[in-house]
Amino acid sequence: MLSYHLKSAIGDLRDLVKITESDIEDIQIASHNPQFDRLKLKEEKLKSFESKKAMIDHEISALIRLNPEAELPALLNEEQHLMLNELKVELSNLHNTNKKYAKLVLAVSNLYNTFLENLIPTEMQGYNKVASKDSTILKVRV
């Protein structure tokens, strides 16, 4: 069962990396709707990975509990060692891909916030941001 959960978790991580890479491509061409459409799929893959990781933890704990005198490396076969290393690599890939995506999201967010601030200047009143009374670019009449 451990091998099955490891393979499945690696697959989920690869899928998450592919989805995030698609998000990066879309944000670079300002195509935001496909990103929003993939959110549900991304959340499902993340939940699936978390579930499989919990099962991996459970399986490893069971192995240790059944063999308290043996060290963990001795309890796993070669294939499982390779898959654990592959899992580590895929987690690192996801981390790096998410970092790239986060930088782009931050840049786009700052751009939109700057545009908004230029259109409707705001000032702080206590802890609240309110539209400045001397807004010259945009005037609203009611």
N, C-alpha and C. Protein backbone atom coordinates (compact mmCIF):
# COMPACT_ATOMS: atom_id res chain seq x y z
N MET A 1 0.82 -1.20 0.00
CA MET A 1 0.00 0.00 0.00
C MET A 1 0.86 1.26 0.00
N LEU A 2 1.98 1.22 0.68
CA LEU A 2 2.85 2.40 0.75
C LEU A 2 3.30 2.81 -0.65
N SER A 3 3.70 1.84 -1.46
CA SER A 3 4.14 2.15 -2.83
C SER A 3 3.02 2.78 -3.64
N TYR A 4 1.82 2.26 -3.49
CA TYR A 4 0.67 2.81 -4.21
C TYR A 4 0.43 4.27 -3.82
N HIS A 5 0.45 4.56 -2.52
CA HIS A 5 0.22 5.93 -2.06
C HIS A 5 1.35 6.86 -2.50
N LEU A 6 2.57 6.37 -2.51
CA LEU A 6 3.69 7.19 -2.98
C LEU A 6 3.54 7.54 -4.46
N LYS A 7 3.22 6.55 -5.28
CA LYS A 7 3.02 6.79 -6.72
C LYS A 7 1.91 7.81 -6.94
N SER A 8 0.83 7.62 -6.23
CA SER A 8 -0.33 8.50 -6.38
C SER A 8 -0.01 9.93 -5.93
N ALA A 9 0.72 10.07 -4.83
CA ALA A 9 1.09 11.40 -4.33
C ALA A 9 2.03 12.09 -5.32
N ILE A 10 2.96 11.35 -5.89
CA ILE A 10 3.87 11.92 -6.89
C ILE A 10 3.07 12.40 -8.10
N GLY A 11 2.09 11.63 -8.51
CA GLY A 11 1.22 12.03 -9.63
C GLY A 11 0.48 13.31 -9.33
N ASP A 12 -0.05 13.42 -8.11
CA ASP A 12 -0.75 14.65 -7.73
C ASP A 12 0.18 15.85 -7.75
N LEU A 13 1.40 15.68 -7.27
CA LEU A 13 2.36 16.79 -7.27
C LEU A 13 2.70 17.21 -8.70
N ARG A 14 2.88 16.25 -9.56
CA ARG A 14 3.17 16.58 -10.97
C ARG A 14 2.00 17.32 -11.60
N ASP A 15 0.79 16.90 -11.29
CA ASP A 15 -0.39 17.59 -11.81
C ASP A 15 -0.46 19.02 -11.29
N LEU A 16 -0.16 19.20 -10.00
CA LEU A 16 -0.17 20.55 -9.43
C LEU A 16 0.88 21.44 -10.09
N VAL A 17 2.04 20.89 -10.38
CA VAL A 17 3.08 21.66 -11.07
C VAL A 17 2.59 22.07 -12.46
N LYS A 18 1.99 21.14 -13.20
CA LYS A 18 1.48 21.44 -14.55
C LYS A 18 0.41 22.52 -14.50
N ILE A 19 -0.50 22.42 -13.54
CA ILE A 19 -1.56 23.42 -13.41
C ILE A 19 -0.95 24.79 -13.11
N THR A 20 0.01 24.83 -12.22
CA THR A 20 0.64 26.10 -11.85
C THR A 20 1.43 26.66 -13.03
N GLU A 21 2.07 25.80 -13.80
CA GLU A 21 2.78 26.28 -14.99
C GLU A 21 1.79 26.86 -16.00
N SER A 22 0.61 26.27 -16.13
CA SER A 22 -0.43 26.84 -16.99
C SER A 22 -0.87 28.20 -16.46
N ASP A 23 -0.98 28.32 -15.14
CA ASP A 23 -1.34 29.60 -14.53
C ASP A 23 -0.28 30.66 -14.85
N ILE A 24 0.98 30.27 -14.80
CA ILE A 24 2.07 31.20 -15.11
C ILE A 24 1.97 31.68 -16.56
N GLU A 25 1.73 30.74 -17.47
CA GLU A 25 1.59 31.12 -18.88
C GLU A 25 0.41 32.07 -19.07
N ASP A 26 -0.71 31.79 -18.40
CA ASP A 26 -1.90 32.62 -18.57
C ASP A 26 -1.73 34.01 -17.94
N ILE A 27 -1.08 34.08 -16.80
CA ILE A 27 -0.92 35.39 -16.16
C ILE A 27 0.03 36.27 -16.98
N GLN A 28 0.96 35.66 -17.68
CA GLN A 28 1.89 36.42 -18.51
C GLN A 28 1.22 37.04 -19.72
N ILE A 29 0.12 36.45 -20.17
CA ILE A 29 -0.61 37.02 -21.31
C ILE A 29 -1.92 37.65 -20.85
N ALA A 30 -2.05 37.87 -19.55
CA ALA A 30 -3.22 38.53 -18.94
C ALA A 30 -4.52 37.79 -19.25
N SER A 31 -4.45 36.49 -19.26
CA SER A 31 -5.64 35.65 -19.45
C SER A 31 -6.04 35.10 -18.09
N HIS A 32 -6.88 35.83 -17.39
CA HIS A 32 -7.16 35.49 -16.00
C HIS A 32 -8.28 34.46 -15.81
N ASN A 33 -9.25 34.44 -16.70
CA ASN A 33 -10.37 33.51 -16.52
C ASN A 33 -9.96 32.04 -16.48
N PRO A 34 -9.04 31.59 -17.35
CA PRO A 34 -8.63 30.18 -17.24
C PRO A 34 -8.01 29.85 -15.88
N GLN A 35 -7.31 30.82 -15.28
CA GLN A 35 -6.73 30.60 -13.96
C GLN A 35 -7.83 30.37 -12.93
N PHE A 36 -8.86 31.20 -13.00
CA PHE A 36 -9.97 31.05 -12.06
C PHE A 36 -10.70 29.73 -12.29
N ASP A 37 -10.79 29.32 -13.57
CA ASP A 37 -11.45 28.05 -13.88
C ASP A 37 -10.69 26.85 -13.31
N ARG A 38 -9.37 26.98 -13.20
CA ARG A 38 -8.55 25.87 -12.68
C ARG A 38 -8.48 25.83 -11.15
N LEU A 39 -8.98 26.83 -10.49
CA LEU A 39 -8.89 26.88 -9.02
C LEU A 39 -9.49 25.65 -8.36
N LYS A 40 -10.68 25.24 -8.80
CA LYS A 40 -11.33 24.09 -8.18
C LYS A 40 -10.51 22.82 -8.40
N LEU A 41 -9.99 22.65 -9.60
CA LEU A 41 -9.15 21.48 -9.89
C LEU A 41 -7.90 21.50 -9.02
N LYS A 42 -7.30 22.68 -8.87
CA LYS A 42 -6.10 22.82 -8.05
C LYS A 42 -6.40 22.46 -6.60
N GLU A 43 -7.52 22.94 -6.09
CA GLU A 43 -7.90 22.63 -4.70
C GLU A 43 -8.14 21.14 -4.52
N GLU A 44 -8.79 20.50 -5.51
CA GLU A 44 -9.04 19.06 -5.43
C GLU A 44 -7.74 18.26 -5.43
N LYS A 45 -6.80 18.66 -6.28
CA LYS A 45 -5.50 17.98 -6.33
C LYS A 45 -4.74 18.17 -5.03
N LEU A 46 -4.83 19.35 -4.45
CA LEU A 46 -4.15 19.62 -3.19
C LEU A 46 -4.74 18.77 -2.07
N LYS A 47 -6.07 18.69 -2.01
CA LYS A 47 -6.71 17.85 -0.99
C LYS A 47 -6.35 16.39 -1.20
N SER A 48 -6.31 15.97 -2.44
CA SER A 48 -5.95 14.59 -2.76
C SER A 48 -4.53 14.29 -2.29
N PHE A 49 -3.61 15.22 -2.58
CA PHE A 49 -2.22 15.02 -2.13
C PHE A 49 -2.13 14.97 -0.62
N GLU A 50 -2.83 15.88 0.06
CA GLU A 50 -2.79 15.88 1.53
C GLU A 50 -3.31 14.57 2.10
N SER A 51 -4.35 14.04 1.49
CA SER A 51 -4.92 12.77 1.93
C SER A 51 -3.91 11.63 1.72
N LYS A 52 -3.27 11.64 0.57
CA LYS A 52 -2.29 10.58 0.28
C LYS A 52 -1.06 10.71 1.18
N LYS A 53 -0.67 11.92 1.46
CA LYS A 53 0.46 12.12 2.37
C LYS A 53 0.12 11.58 3.76
N ALA A 54 -1.11 11.80 4.19
CA ALA A 54 -1.54 11.27 5.49
C ALA A 54 -1.51 9.73 5.47
N MET A 55 -1.89 9.15 4.36
CA MET A 55 -1.85 7.69 4.24
C MET A 55 -0.40 7.18 4.23
N ILE A 56 0.49 7.92 3.58
CA ILE A 56 1.92 7.56 3.59
C ILE A 56 2.45 7.60 5.01
N ASP A 57 2.13 8.67 5.73
CA ASP A 57 2.55 8.80 7.13
C ASP A 57 2.01 7.64 7.96
N HIS A 58 0.74 7.29 7.73
CA HIS A 58 0.12 6.19 8.46
C HIS A 58 0.82 4.87 8.17
N GLU A 59 1.10 4.61 6.90
CA GLU A 59 1.76 3.35 6.51
C GLU A 59 3.17 3.26 7.11
N ILE A 60 3.90 4.37 7.08
CA ILE A 60 5.26 4.36 7.65
C ILE A 60 5.19 4.18 9.16
N SER A 61 4.25 4.84 9.80
CA SER A 61 4.07 4.66 11.25
C SER A 61 3.74 3.21 11.60
N ALA A 62 2.90 2.59 10.78
CA ALA A 62 2.54 1.19 11.02
C ALA A 62 3.76 0.29 10.87
N LEU A 63 4.58 0.57 9.86
CA LEU A 63 5.81 -0.23 9.67
C LEU A 63 6.73 -0.10 10.88
N ILE A 64 6.89 1.10 11.37
CA ILE A 64 7.75 1.33 12.53
C ILE A 64 7.18 0.67 13.77
N ARG A 65 5.86 0.75 13.93
CA ARG A 65 5.20 0.15 15.09
C ARG A 65 5.33 -1.37 15.08
N LEU A 66 5.23 -1.97 13.89
CA LEU A 66 5.34 -3.42 13.77
C LEU A 66 6.78 -3.92 13.91
N ASN A 67 7.73 -3.03 13.62
CA ASN A 67 9.16 -3.40 13.68
C ASN A 67 9.92 -2.36 14.49
N PRO A 68 9.69 -2.29 15.79
CA PRO A 68 10.30 -1.22 16.59
C PRO A 68 11.83 -1.31 16.67
N GLU A 69 12.38 -2.49 16.46
CA GLU A 69 13.82 -2.64 16.58
C GLU A 69 14.57 -2.24 15.31
N ALA A 70 13.87 -2.15 14.19
CA ALA A 70 14.52 -1.85 12.90
C ALA A 70 14.47 -0.35 12.60
N GLU A 71 15.48 0.12 11.88
CA GLU A 71 15.52 1.50 11.42
C GLU A 71 14.63 1.63 10.18
N LEU A 72 14.09 2.80 9.95
CA LEU A 72 13.19 3.01 8.81
C LEU A 72 13.82 2.63 7.47
N PRO A 73 15.05 3.04 7.18
CA PRO A 73 15.61 2.65 5.87
C PRO A 73 15.61 1.14 5.63
N ALA A 74 15.75 0.35 6.69
CA ALA A 74 15.75 -1.10 6.54
C ALA A 74 14.35 -1.65 6.28
N LEU A 75 13.33 -0.88 6.63
CA LEU A 75 11.94 -1.33 6.46
C LEU A 75 11.40 -1.10 5.05
N LEU A 76 12.04 -0.21 4.32
CA LEU A 76 11.56 0.14 2.98
C LEU A 76 12.38 -0.58 1.92
N ASN A 77 11.72 -0.96 0.84
CA ASN A 77 12.45 -1.58 -0.26
C ASN A 77 13.05 -0.50 -1.17
N GLU A 78 13.86 -0.92 -2.12
CA GLU A 78 14.57 0.02 -3.01
C GLU A 78 13.60 0.92 -3.77
N GLU A 79 12.52 0.33 -4.27
CA GLU A 79 11.52 1.11 -5.02
C GLU A 79 10.92 2.21 -4.14
N GLN A 80 10.62 1.90 -2.91
CA GLN A 80 10.04 2.88 -2.00
C GLN A 80 11.04 3.99 -1.68
N HIS A 81 12.31 3.64 -1.52
CA HIS A 81 13.34 4.66 -1.31
C HIS A 81 13.40 5.61 -2.51
N LEU A 82 13.37 5.03 -3.70
CA LEU A 82 13.41 5.86 -4.91
C LEU A 82 12.19 6.76 -5.01
N MET A 83 11.03 6.21 -4.67
CA MET A 83 9.81 7.02 -4.73
C MET A 83 9.80 8.13 -3.68
N LEU A 84 10.34 7.86 -2.51
CA LEU A 84 10.44 8.92 -1.49
C LEU A 84 11.36 10.05 -1.96
N ASN A 85 12.46 9.68 -2.62
CA ASN A 85 13.35 10.69 -3.19
C ASN A 85 12.66 11.47 -4.30
N GLU A 86 11.90 10.76 -5.13
CA GLU A 86 11.15 11.40 -6.21
C GLU A 86 10.08 12.34 -5.64
N LEU A 87 9.45 11.92 -4.56
CA LEU A 87 8.45 12.77 -3.89
C LEU A 87 9.10 14.06 -3.41
N LYS A 88 10.29 13.93 -2.86
CA LYS A 88 11.03 15.09 -2.38
C LYS A 88 11.36 16.04 -3.54
N VAL A 89 11.78 15.48 -4.67
CA VAL A 89 12.10 16.28 -5.86
C VAL A 89 10.85 17.00 -6.37
N GLU A 90 9.73 16.29 -6.43
CA GLU A 90 8.49 16.89 -6.93
C GLU A 90 7.98 17.98 -5.99
N LEU A 91 8.15 17.79 -4.68
CA LEU A 91 7.79 18.84 -3.73
C LEU A 91 8.64 20.09 -3.96
N SER A 92 9.90 19.88 -4.23
CA SER A 92 10.80 21.00 -4.53
C SER A 92 10.39 21.70 -5.83
N ASN A 93 10.04 20.92 -6.84
CA ASN A 93 9.56 21.50 -8.11
C ASN A 93 8.31 22.34 -7.90
N LEU A 94 7.38 21.81 -7.10
CA LEU A 94 6.15 22.55 -6.82
C LEU A 94 6.46 23.84 -6.07
N HIS A 95 7.36 23.76 -5.11
CA HIS A 95 7.76 24.95 -4.35
C HIS A 95 8.33 26.02 -5.27
N ASN A 96 9.24 25.63 -6.16
CA ASN A 96 9.86 26.58 -7.08
C ASN A 96 8.85 27.17 -8.06
N THR A 97 7.96 26.33 -8.57
CA THR A 97 6.94 26.80 -9.51
C THR A 97 5.98 27.76 -8.81
N ASN A 98 5.60 27.44 -7.57
CA ASN A 98 4.71 28.33 -6.82
C ASN A 98 5.38 29.67 -6.52
N LYS A 99 6.70 29.65 -6.29
CA LYS A 99 7.43 30.90 -6.06
C LYS A 99 7.37 31.79 -7.30
N LYS A 100 7.58 31.20 -8.47
CA LYS A 100 7.50 31.97 -9.73
C LYS A 100 6.10 32.57 -9.89
N TYR A 101 5.09 31.75 -9.64
CA TYR A 101 3.71 32.20 -9.80
C TYR A 101 3.39 33.30 -8.79
N ALA A 102 3.83 33.15 -7.57
CA ALA A 102 3.56 34.15 -6.53
C ALA A 102 4.18 35.50 -6.89
N LYS A 103 5.38 35.48 -7.47
CA LYS A 103 6.02 36.73 -7.88
C LYS A 103 5.19 37.44 -8.95
N LEU A 104 4.67 36.67 -9.90
CA LEU A 104 3.84 37.26 -10.95
C LEU A 104 2.53 37.79 -10.39
N VAL A 105 1.92 37.04 -9.49
CA VAL A 105 0.67 37.47 -8.88
C VAL A 105 0.88 38.77 -8.11
N LEU A 106 1.96 38.85 -7.39
CA LEU A 106 2.28 40.06 -6.64
C LEU A 106 2.48 41.25 -7.57
N ALA A 107 3.19 41.04 -8.67
CA ALA A 107 3.42 42.12 -9.62
C ALA A 107 2.10 42.61 -10.23
N VAL A 108 1.24 41.69 -10.61
CA VAL A 108 -0.05 42.06 -11.19
C VAL A 108 -0.91 42.77 -10.15
N SER A 109 -0.90 42.27 -8.94
CA SER A 109 -1.67 42.90 -7.86
C SER A 109 -1.19 44.33 -7.61
N ASN A 110 0.12 44.53 -7.56
CA ASN A 110 0.66 45.87 -7.37
C ASN A 110 0.29 46.79 -8.52
N LEU A 111 0.30 46.27 -9.73
CA LEU A 111 -0.08 47.06 -10.90
C LEU A 111 -1.53 47.53 -10.79
N TYR A 112 -2.44 46.61 -10.50
CA TYR A 112 -3.85 46.98 -10.38
C TYR A 112 -4.08 47.94 -9.22
N ASN A 113 -3.40 47.71 -8.11
CA ASN A 113 -3.55 48.62 -6.96
C ASN A 113 -3.04 50.02 -7.29
N THR A 114 -1.94 50.10 -8.04
CA THR A 114 -1.40 51.40 -8.45
C THR A 114 -2.38 52.11 -9.39
N PHE A 115 -2.93 51.37 -10.35
CA PHE A 115 -3.93 51.97 -11.24
C PHE A 115 -5.12 52.50 -10.46
N LEU A 116 -5.60 51.71 -9.53
CA LEU A 116 -6.74 52.11 -8.73
C LEU A 116 -6.42 53.34 -7.89
N GLU A 117 -5.25 53.36 -7.31
CA GLU A 117 -4.83 54.50 -6.50
C GLU A 117 -4.71 55.77 -7.35
N ASN A 118 -4.28 55.62 -8.60
CA ASN A 118 -4.18 56.77 -9.49
C ASN A 118 -5.56 57.26 -9.93
N LEU A 119 -6.48 56.34 -10.11
CA LEU A 119 -7.84 56.73 -10.51
C LEU A 119 -8.61 57.34 -9.36
N ILE A 120 -8.52 56.70 -8.21
CA ILE A 120 -9.26 57.15 -7.03
C ILE A 120 -8.27 57.25 -5.88
N PRO A 121 -7.63 58.41 -5.74
CA PRO A 121 -6.66 58.56 -4.64
C PRO A 121 -7.35 58.35 -3.29
N THR A 122 -6.65 57.70 -2.40
CA THR A 122 -7.21 57.44 -1.07
C THR A 122 -6.29 58.01 -0.01
N GLU A 123 -6.86 58.20 1.15
CA GLU A 123 -6.07 58.62 2.31
C GLU A 123 -6.56 57.84 3.51
N MET A 124 -5.71 57.75 4.49
CA MET A 124 -6.05 56.99 5.68
C MET A 124 -6.79 57.88 6.67
N GLN A 125 -7.89 57.38 7.17
CA GLN A 125 -8.62 58.02 8.28
C GLN A 125 -8.67 56.96 9.38
N GLY A 126 -7.74 57.07 10.29
CA GLY A 126 -7.60 56.02 11.30
C GLY A 126 -7.05 54.77 10.63
N TYR A 127 -7.81 53.68 10.72
CA TYR A 127 -7.39 52.44 10.08
C TYR A 127 -8.11 52.20 8.75
N ASN A 128 -8.93 53.13 8.34
CA ASN A 128 -9.71 52.96 7.12
C ASN A 128 -9.14 53.79 5.98
N LYS A 129 -9.17 53.22 4.78
CA LYS A 129 -8.79 53.95 3.59
C LYS A 129 -10.06 54.52 2.98
N VAL A 130 -10.06 55.80 2.73
CA VAL A 130 -11.23 56.43 2.13
C VAL A 130 -10.77 57.25 0.93
N ALA A 131 -11.69 57.47 0.00
CA ALA A 131 -11.36 58.26 -1.18
C ALA A 131 -11.02 59.68 -0.77
N SER A 132 -9.99 60.18 -1.37
CA SER A 132 -9.55 61.55 -1.09
C SER A 132 -10.57 62.53 -1.64
N LYS A 133 -10.76 63.64 -0.95
CA LYS A 133 -11.74 64.63 -1.39
C LYS A 133 -11.26 65.39 -2.61
N ASP A 134 -9.94 65.43 -2.82
CA ASP A 134 -9.42 66.19 -3.94
C ASP A 134 -9.05 65.31 -5.13
N SER A 135 -9.89 64.32 -5.42
CA SER A 135 -9.66 63.45 -6.55
C SER A 135 -9.86 64.27 -7.83
N THR A 136 -8.83 64.37 -8.65
CA THR A 136 -8.91 65.19 -9.85
C THR A 136 -9.14 64.37 -11.10
N ILE A 137 -8.75 63.12 -11.09
CA ILE A 137 -8.88 62.31 -12.28
C ILE A 137 -10.31 61.81 -12.48
N LEU A 138 -10.97 61.46 -11.40
CA LEU A 138 -12.29 60.87 -11.49
C LEU A 138 -13.24 61.63 -10.60
N LYS A 139 -14.31 62.13 -11.21
CA LYS A 139 -15.34 62.82 -10.44
C LYS A 139 -16.65 62.08 -10.62
N VAL A 140 -17.30 61.84 -9.52
CA VAL A 140 -18.55 61.10 -9.55
C VAL A 140 -19.66 62.04 -9.11
N ARG A 141 -20.73 62.12 -9.90
CA ARG A 141 -21.88 62.93 -9.53
C ARG A 141 -23.07 62.03 -9.30
N VAL A 142 -23.78 62.31 -8.25
CA VAL A 142 -24.93 61.48 -7.93
C VAL A 142 -26.19 62.26 -8.20
